[in-house]
Amino acid sequence: MFTNTARTWGARILEPIAGLMARLHITANQATIFGFLLTCGISLVIASGRLQLAGWLLIGALAFDAVDGTLARMTNSVSLYGAFLDSTMDRWAEIVLYFGLAWYFTQTGQSNAVLLSMAALSTSLMVSYTRARAEGIRIPLKEGAFTRFERLVVLVIGLIFNWVIWPLIIITVLSGLTAIQRMIATRRLASPTP
């Protein structure tokens, strides 16, 4: 999984940014909300058809999206609600991005691509839901080959190269397989040990 590697390298960049935000008295929850609003703006850029610009902007939004956790740890303000808010806003952010794509495809008469956007959204949300539901029944679930980070990297590449159909297919298929992977893992972990 690339997520852990990205976090390790990203910490070197995020810590100075989080330090600056802490000095400006910006809370982690405020950073979470601002990151979501930033993604909403990028979704509007996508809907307007400026896909390459949206791809570059999304890179910055991803960096900002990761800073809230670092800020919470740095200011000793880690909380259960903060974790809940961050996860929930991440899901909403994915929803608005895919709806931005669906709107763009609707305006350009690409009805099959609209359906593909909704398929990518659906399987992406199922990856998150399977983990949340497993943890809801007290089964810690870290497995998953294609998590949110990988999905967004694929989407960013598609946007920057102005060629999003194949990335959406990749996201749909690999997210679906990851959701199934997590279902199988949960079944294994939930089974009583003989």
C-alpha atoms as a PDB file:
ATOM      1  CA  MET A   1       0.000   0.000   0.000  1.00  0.00           C
ATOM      2  CA  PHE A   2       1.371   3.389  -1.036  1.00  0.00           C
ATOM      3  CA  THR A   3      -0.547   5.262   1.659  1.00  0.00           C
ATOM      4  CA  ASN A   4       1.902   4.573   4.500  1.00  0.00           C
ATOM      5  CA  THR A   5       4.911   5.477   2.332  1.00  0.00           C
ATOM      6  CA  ALA A   6       3.244   8.733   1.307  1.00  0.00           C
ATOM      7  CA  ARG A   7       2.530   9.570   4.946  1.00  0.00           C
ATOM      8  CA  THR A   8       6.163   9.013   5.911  1.00  0.00           C
ATOM      9  CA  TRP A   9       7.479  11.276   3.167  1.00  0.00           C
ATOM     10  CA  GLY A  10       4.626  13.740   3.521  1.00  0.00           C
ATOM     11  CA  ALA A  11       5.328  14.297   7.213  1.00  0.00           C
ATOM     12  CA  ARG A  12       8.453  16.284   6.294  1.00  0.00           C
ATOM     13  CA  ILE A  13       6.324  18.703   4.301  1.00  0.00           C
ATOM     14  CA  LEU A  14       3.250  18.724   6.529  1.00  0.00           C
ATOM     15  CA  GLU A  15       4.914  19.433   9.863  1.00  0.00           C
ATOM     16  CA  PRO A  16       6.141  22.960   8.953  1.00  0.00           C
ATOM     17  CA  ILE A  17       2.719  23.774   7.469  1.00  0.00           C
ATOM     18  CA  ALA A  18       0.963  22.443  10.567  1.00  0.00           C
ATOM     19  CA  GLY A  19       3.352  24.452  12.744  1.00  0.00           C
ATOM     20  CA  LEU A  20       2.442  27.634  10.894  1.00  0.00           C
ATOM     21  CA  MET A  21      -1.282  26.874  11.232  1.00  0.00           C
ATOM     22  CA  ALA A  22      -0.842  26.233  14.944  1.00  0.00           C
ATOM     23  CA  ARG A  23       0.832  29.634  15.349  1.00  0.00           C
ATOM     24  CA  LEU A  24      -2.117  31.199  13.511  1.00  0.00           C
ATOM     25  CA  HIS A  25      -4.474  29.456  15.990  1.00  0.00           C
ATOM     26  CA  ILE A  26      -6.164  27.396  13.251  1.00  0.00           C
ATOM     27  CA  THR A  27      -7.667  24.223  14.714  1.00  0.00           C
ATOM     28  CA  ALA A  28      -7.488  20.791  13.119  1.00  0.00           C
ATOM     29  CA  ASN A  29     -11.267  20.728  12.648  1.00  0.00           C
ATOM     30  CA  GLN A  30     -11.159  24.117  10.914  1.00  0.00           C
ATOM     31  CA  ALA A  31      -8.447  22.755   8.611  1.00  0.00           C
ATOM     32  CA  THR A  32     -10.647  19.738   7.837  1.00  0.00           C
ATOM     33  CA  ILE A  33     -13.608  21.933   6.886  1.00  0.00           C
ATOM     34  CA  PHE A  34     -11.440  24.275   4.818  1.00  0.00           C
ATOM     35  CA  GLY A  35      -9.951  21.304   2.955  1.00  0.00           C
ATOM     36  CA  PHE A  36     -13.449  20.087   2.094  1.00  0.00           C
ATOM     37  CA  LEU A  37     -14.496  23.544   0.871  1.00  0.00           C
ATOM     38  CA  LEU A  38     -11.359  23.645  -1.253  1.00  0.00           C
ATOM     39  CA  THR A  39     -12.370  20.333  -2.829  1.00  0.00           C
ATOM     40  CA  CYS A  40     -15.847  21.725  -3.527  1.00  0.00           C
ATOM     41  CA  GLY A  41     -14.194  24.567  -5.429  1.00  0.00           C
ATOM     42  CA  ILE A  42     -12.120  22.076  -7.422  1.00  0.00           C
ATOM     43  CA  SER A  43     -15.292  20.153  -8.232  1.00  0.00           C
ATOM     44  CA  LEU A  44     -16.703  23.327  -9.791  1.00  0.00           C
ATOM     45  CA  VAL A  45     -13.520  23.671 -11.851  1.00  0.00           C
ATOM     46  CA  ILE A  46     -14.023  20.086 -13.075  1.00  0.00           C
ATOM     47  CA  ALA A  47     -17.676  20.770 -13.889  1.00  0.00           C
ATOM     48  CA  SER A  48     -16.601  23.770 -15.976  1.00  0.00           C
ATOM     49  CA  GLY A  49     -14.409  21.504 -18.107  1.00  0.00           C
ATOM     50  CA  ARG A  50     -11.000  22.756 -16.950  1.00  0.00           C
ATOM     51  CA  LEU A  51      -9.819  19.255 -16.069  1.00  0.00           C
ATOM     52  CA  GLN A  52      -6.073  19.855 -16.209  1.00  0.00           C
ATOM     53  CA  LEU A  53      -6.294  22.868 -13.915  1.00  0.00           C
ATOM     54  CA  ALA A  54      -8.441  20.813 -11.536  1.00  0.00           C
ATOM     55  CA  GLY A  55      -5.803  18.070 -11.495  1.00  0.00           C
ATOM     56  CA  TRP A  56      -3.056  20.465 -10.438  1.00  0.00           C
ATOM     57  CA  LEU A  57      -5.295  22.107  -7.847  1.00  0.00           C
ATOM     58  CA  LEU A  58      -6.217  18.700  -6.459  1.00  0.00           C
ATOM     59  CA  ILE A  59      -2.563  17.962  -5.751  1.00  0.00           C
ATOM     60  CA  GLY A  60      -2.492  20.998  -3.464  1.00  0.00           C
ATOM     61  CA  ALA A  61      -5.802  20.022  -1.893  1.00  0.00           C
ATOM     62  CA  LEU A  62      -4.478  16.531  -1.125  1.00  0.00           C
ATOM     63  CA  ALA A  63      -1.491  18.008   0.661  1.00  0.00           C
ATOM     64  CA  PHE A  64      -3.767  20.312   2.651  1.00  0.00           C
ATOM     65  CA  ASP A  65      -6.176  17.441   3.355  1.00  0.00           C
ATOM     66  CA  ALA A  66      -3.455  15.531   5.173  1.00  0.00           C
ATOM     67  CA  VAL A  67      -2.354  18.422   7.384  1.00  0.00           C
ATOM     68  CA  ASP A  68      -5.314  18.288   9.806  1.00  0.00           C
ATOM     69  CA  GLY A  69      -4.141  15.078  11.474  1.00  0.00           C
ATOM     70  CA  THR A  70      -0.605  16.415  11.836  1.00  0.00           C
ATOM     71  CA  LEU A  71      -1.990  19.649  13.261  1.00  0.00           C
ATOM     72  CA  ALA A  72      -4.159  17.753  15.770  1.00  0.00           C
ATOM     73  CA  ARG A  73      -1.183  15.730  17.004  1.00  0.00           C
ATOM     74  CA  MET A  74       1.078  18.773  17.128  1.00  0.00           C
ATOM     75  CA  THR A  75      -1.418  20.801  19.196  1.00  0.00           C
ATOM     76  CA  ASN A  76      -2.414  17.820  21.363  1.00  0.00           C
ATOM     77  CA  SER A  77      -6.019  18.156  20.199  1.00  0.00           C
ATOM     78  CA  VAL A  78      -6.624  14.659  18.839  1.00  0.00           C
ATOM     79  CA  SER A  79     -10.250  13.719  19.518  1.00  0.00           C
ATOM     80  CA  LEU A  80     -12.807  11.102  18.550  1.00  0.00           C
ATOM     81  CA  TYR A  81     -14.983  13.767  16.953  1.00  0.00           C
ATOM     82  CA  GLY A  82     -12.027  15.099  14.981  1.00  0.00           C
ATOM     83  CA  ALA A  83     -11.362  11.626  13.572  1.00  0.00           C
ATOM     84  CA  PHE A  84     -15.061  11.243  12.740  1.00  0.00           C
ATOM     85  CA  LEU A  85     -15.216  14.672  11.087  1.00  0.00           C
ATOM     86  CA  ASP A  86     -12.097  13.996   9.023  1.00  0.00           C
ATOM     87  CA  SER A  87     -13.373  10.635   7.733  1.00  0.00           C
ATOM     88  CA  THR A  88     -16.822  12.024   6.993  1.00  0.00           C
ATOM     89  CA  MET A  89     -15.472  15.043   5.113  1.00  0.00           C
ATOM     90  CA  ASP A  90     -13.205  12.727   3.100  1.00  0.00           C
ATOM     91  CA  ARG A  91     -16.284  10.825   1.911  1.00  0.00           C
ATOM     92  CA  TRP A  92     -18.133  14.045   1.074  1.00  0.00           C
ATOM     93  CA  ALA A  93     -15.059  15.278  -0.814  1.00  0.00           C
ATOM     94  CA  GLU A  94     -15.063  12.180  -3.009  1.00  0.00           C
ATOM     95  CA  ILE A  95     -18.782  12.612  -3.651  1.00  0.00           C
ATOM     96  CA  VAL A  96     -18.425  16.206  -4.836  1.00  0.00           C
ATOM     97  CA  LEU A  97     -15.461  15.349  -7.080  1.00  0.00           C
ATOM     98  CA  TYR A  98     -17.322  12.581  -8.880  1.00  0.00           C
ATOM     99  CA  PHE A  99     -20.434  14.726  -9.159  1.00  0.00           C
ATOM    100  CA  GLY A 100     -18.267  17.425 -10.726  1.00  0.00           C
ATOM    101  CA  LEU A 101     -17.141  14.891 -13.304  1.00  0.00           C
ATOM    102  CA  ALA A 102     -20.708  13.684 -13.859  1.00  0.00           C
ATOM    103  CA  TRP A 103     -21.837  17.274 -14.443  1.00  0.00           C
ATOM    104  CA  TYR A 104     -19.024  17.835 -16.942  1.00  0.00           C
ATOM    105  CA  PHE A 105     -19.886  14.634 -18.809  1.00  0.00           C
ATOM    106  CA  THR A 106     -23.586  15.574 -18.804  1.00  0.00           C
ATOM    107  CA  GLN A 107     -22.807  18.951 -20.352  1.00  0.00           C
ATOM    108  CA  THR A 108     -20.652  17.330 -23.043  1.00  0.00           C
ATOM    109  CA  GLY A 109     -23.212  14.631 -23.882  1.00  0.00           C
ATOM    110  CA  GLN A 110     -21.143  11.690 -22.610  1.00  0.00           C
ATOM    111  CA  SER A 111     -23.897   9.671 -20.948  1.00  0.00           C
ATOM    112  CA  ASN A 112     -21.808   6.499 -20.570  1.00  0.00           C
ATOM    113  CA  ALA A 113     -19.111   8.491 -18.793  1.00  0.00           C
ATOM    114  CA  VAL A 114     -21.740   9.848 -16.375  1.00  0.00           C
ATOM    115  CA  LEU A 115     -22.621   6.267 -15.442  1.00  0.00           C
ATOM    116  CA  LEU A 116     -18.924   5.439 -15.118  1.00  0.00           C
ATOM    117  CA  SER A 117     -18.443   8.360 -12.735  1.00  0.00           C
ATOM    118  CA  MET A 118     -21.278   7.070 -10.572  1.00  0.00           C
ATOM    119  CA  ALA A 119     -19.832   3.543 -10.667  1.00  0.00           C
ATOM    120  CA  ALA A 120     -16.429   4.853  -9.546  1.00  0.00           C
ATOM    121  CA  LEU A 121     -18.112   6.816  -6.757  1.00  0.00           C
ATOM    122  CA  SER A 122     -20.142   3.800  -5.619  1.00  0.00           C
ATOM    123  CA  THR A 123     -17.240   1.372  -5.417  1.00  0.00           C
ATOM    124  CA  SER A 124     -15.045   4.023  -3.768  1.00  0.00           C
ATOM    125  CA  LEU A 125     -17.610   4.552  -1.026  1.00  0.00           C
ATOM    126  CA  MET A 126     -17.913   0.779  -0.539  1.00  0.00           C
ATOM    127  CA  VAL A 127     -14.183   0.571   0.204  1.00  0.00           C
ATOM    128  CA  SER A 128     -14.658   3.067   3.014  1.00  0.00           C
ATOM    129  CA  TYR A 129     -17.921   1.538   4.203  1.00  0.00           C
ATOM    130  CA  THR A 130     -16.529  -1.993   4.542  1.00  0.00           C
ATOM    131  CA  ARG A 131     -13.766  -0.740   6.812  1.00  0.00           C
ATOM    132  CA  ALA A 132     -16.114   1.464   8.848  1.00  0.00           C
ATOM    133  CA  ARG A 133     -18.635  -1.349   9.267  1.00  0.00           C
ATOM    134  CA  ALA A 134     -15.952  -3.848  10.264  1.00  0.00           C
ATOM    135  CA  GLU A 135     -14.636  -1.440  12.872  1.00  0.00           C
ATOM    136  CA  GLY A 136     -18.245  -0.881  13.980  1.00  0.00           C
ATOM    137  CA  ILE A 137     -18.381  -4.554  14.986  1.00  0.00           C
ATOM    138  CA  ARG A 138     -14.961  -4.207  16.639  1.00  0.00           C
ATOM    139  CA  ILE A 139     -12.885  -5.827  13.931  1.00  0.00           C
ATOM    140  CA  PRO A 140      -9.814  -3.687  13.163  1.00  0.00           C
ATOM    141  CA  LEU A 141      -9.418  -3.692   9.391  1.00  0.00           C
ATOM    142  CA  LYS A 142      -6.345  -2.175   7.785  1.00  0.00           C
ATOM    143  CA  GLU A 143      -6.269  -4.383   4.686  1.00  0.00           C
ATOM    144  CA  GLY A 144      -6.994  -2.842   1.326  1.00  0.00           C
ATOM    145  CA  ALA A 145      -4.929  -2.642  -1.841  1.00  0.00           C
ATOM    146  CA  PHE A 146      -6.641   0.411  -3.338  1.00  0.00           C
ATOM    147  CA  THR A 147      -7.484   2.998  -0.708  1.00  0.00           C
ATOM    148  CA  ARG A 148      -8.522   6.648  -0.973  1.00  0.00           C
ATOM    149  CA  PHE A 149      -4.953   7.815  -1.549  1.00  0.00           C
ATOM    150  CA  GLU A 150      -4.446   5.496  -4.525  1.00  0.00           C
ATOM    151  CA  ARG A 151      -7.849   6.421  -5.948  1.00  0.00           C
ATOM    152  CA  LEU A 152      -7.076  10.119  -5.815  1.00  0.00           C
ATOM    153  CA  VAL A 153      -3.614   9.655  -7.354  1.00  0.00           C
ATOM    154  CA  VAL A 154      -5.185   7.830 -10.314  1.00  0.00           C
ATOM    155  CA  LEU A 155      -7.853  10.542 -10.622  1.00  0.00           C
ATOM    156  CA  VAL A 156      -5.252  13.337 -10.489  1.00  0.00           C
ATOM    157  CA  ILE A 157      -3.221  11.687 -13.250  1.00  0.00           C
ATOM    158  CA  GLY A 158      -6.350  11.350 -15.387  1.00  0.00           C
ATOM    159  CA  LEU A 159      -7.276  14.996 -14.867  1.00  0.00           C
ATOM    160  CA  ILE A 160      -3.806  16.358 -15.582  1.00  0.00           C
ATOM    161  CA  PHE A 161      -3.572  14.386 -18.823  1.00  0.00           C
ATOM    162  CA  ASN A 162      -7.184  15.316 -19.677  1.00  0.00           C
ATOM    163  CA  TRP A 163      -7.995  11.651 -20.158  1.00  0.00           C
ATOM    164  CA  VAL A 164     -10.258  10.449 -17.352  1.00  0.00           C
ATOM    165  CA  ILE A 165     -12.219   7.535 -18.819  1.00  0.00           C
ATOM    166  CA  TRP A 166      -9.584   4.859 -18.244  1.00  0.00           C
ATOM    167  CA  PRO A 167      -8.692   6.181 -14.787  1.00  0.00           C
ATOM    168  CA  LEU A 168     -12.392   5.977 -13.875  1.00  0.00           C
ATOM    169  CA  ILE A 169     -12.496   2.378 -15.109  1.00  0.00           C
ATOM    170  CA  ILE A 170      -9.389   1.560 -13.049  1.00  0.00           C
ATOM    171  CA  ILE A 171     -10.910   3.210  -9.962  1.00  0.00           C
ATOM    172  CA  THR A 172     -14.206   1.357 -10.424  1.00  0.00           C
ATOM    173  CA  VAL A 173     -12.635  -2.082 -10.867  1.00  0.00           C
ATOM    174  CA  LEU A 174      -9.884  -1.843  -8.251  1.00  0.00           C
ATOM    175  CA  SER A 175     -12.140  -0.205  -5.670  1.00  0.00           C
ATOM    176  CA  GLY A 176     -14.708  -2.939  -6.182  1.00  0.00           C
ATOM    177  CA  LEU A 177     -12.019  -5.603  -5.743  1.00  0.00           C
ATOM    178  CA  THR A 178     -10.715  -3.851  -2.619  1.00  0.00           C
ATOM    179  CA  ALA A 179     -14.219  -3.773  -1.107  1.00  0.00           C
ATOM    180  CA  ILE A 180     -14.491  -7.521  -1.776  1.00  0.00           C
ATOM    181  CA  GLN A 181     -11.002  -8.025  -0.313  1.00  0.00           C
ATOM    182  CA  ARG A 182     -12.143  -6.299   2.871  1.00  0.00           C
ATOM    183  CA  MET A 183     -15.325  -8.377   3.024  1.00  0.00           C
ATOM    184  CA  ILE A 184     -13.245 -11.559   2.818  1.00  0.00           C
ATOM    185  CA  ALA A 185     -10.807 -10.267   5.433  1.00  0.00           C
ATOM    186  CA  THR A 186     -13.686  -9.377   7.765  1.00  0.00           C
ATOM    187  CA  ARG A 187     -15.192 -12.851   7.305  1.00  0.00           C
ATOM    188  CA  ARG A 188     -11.851 -14.391   8.219  1.00  0.00           C
ATOM    189  CA  LEU A 189     -11.322 -12.159  11.246  1.00  0.00           C
ATOM    190  CA  ALA A 190     -14.925 -12.591  12.436  1.00  0.00           C
ATOM    191  CA  SER A 191     -14.779 -16.375  12.305  1.00  0.00           C
ATOM    192  CA  PRO A 192     -14.227 -17.968  15.715  1.00  0.00           C
ATOM    193  CA  THR A 193     -10.811 -19.545  16.185  1.00  0.00           C
ATOM    194  CA  PRO A 194     -11.147 -23.346  16.523  1.00  0.00           C
END
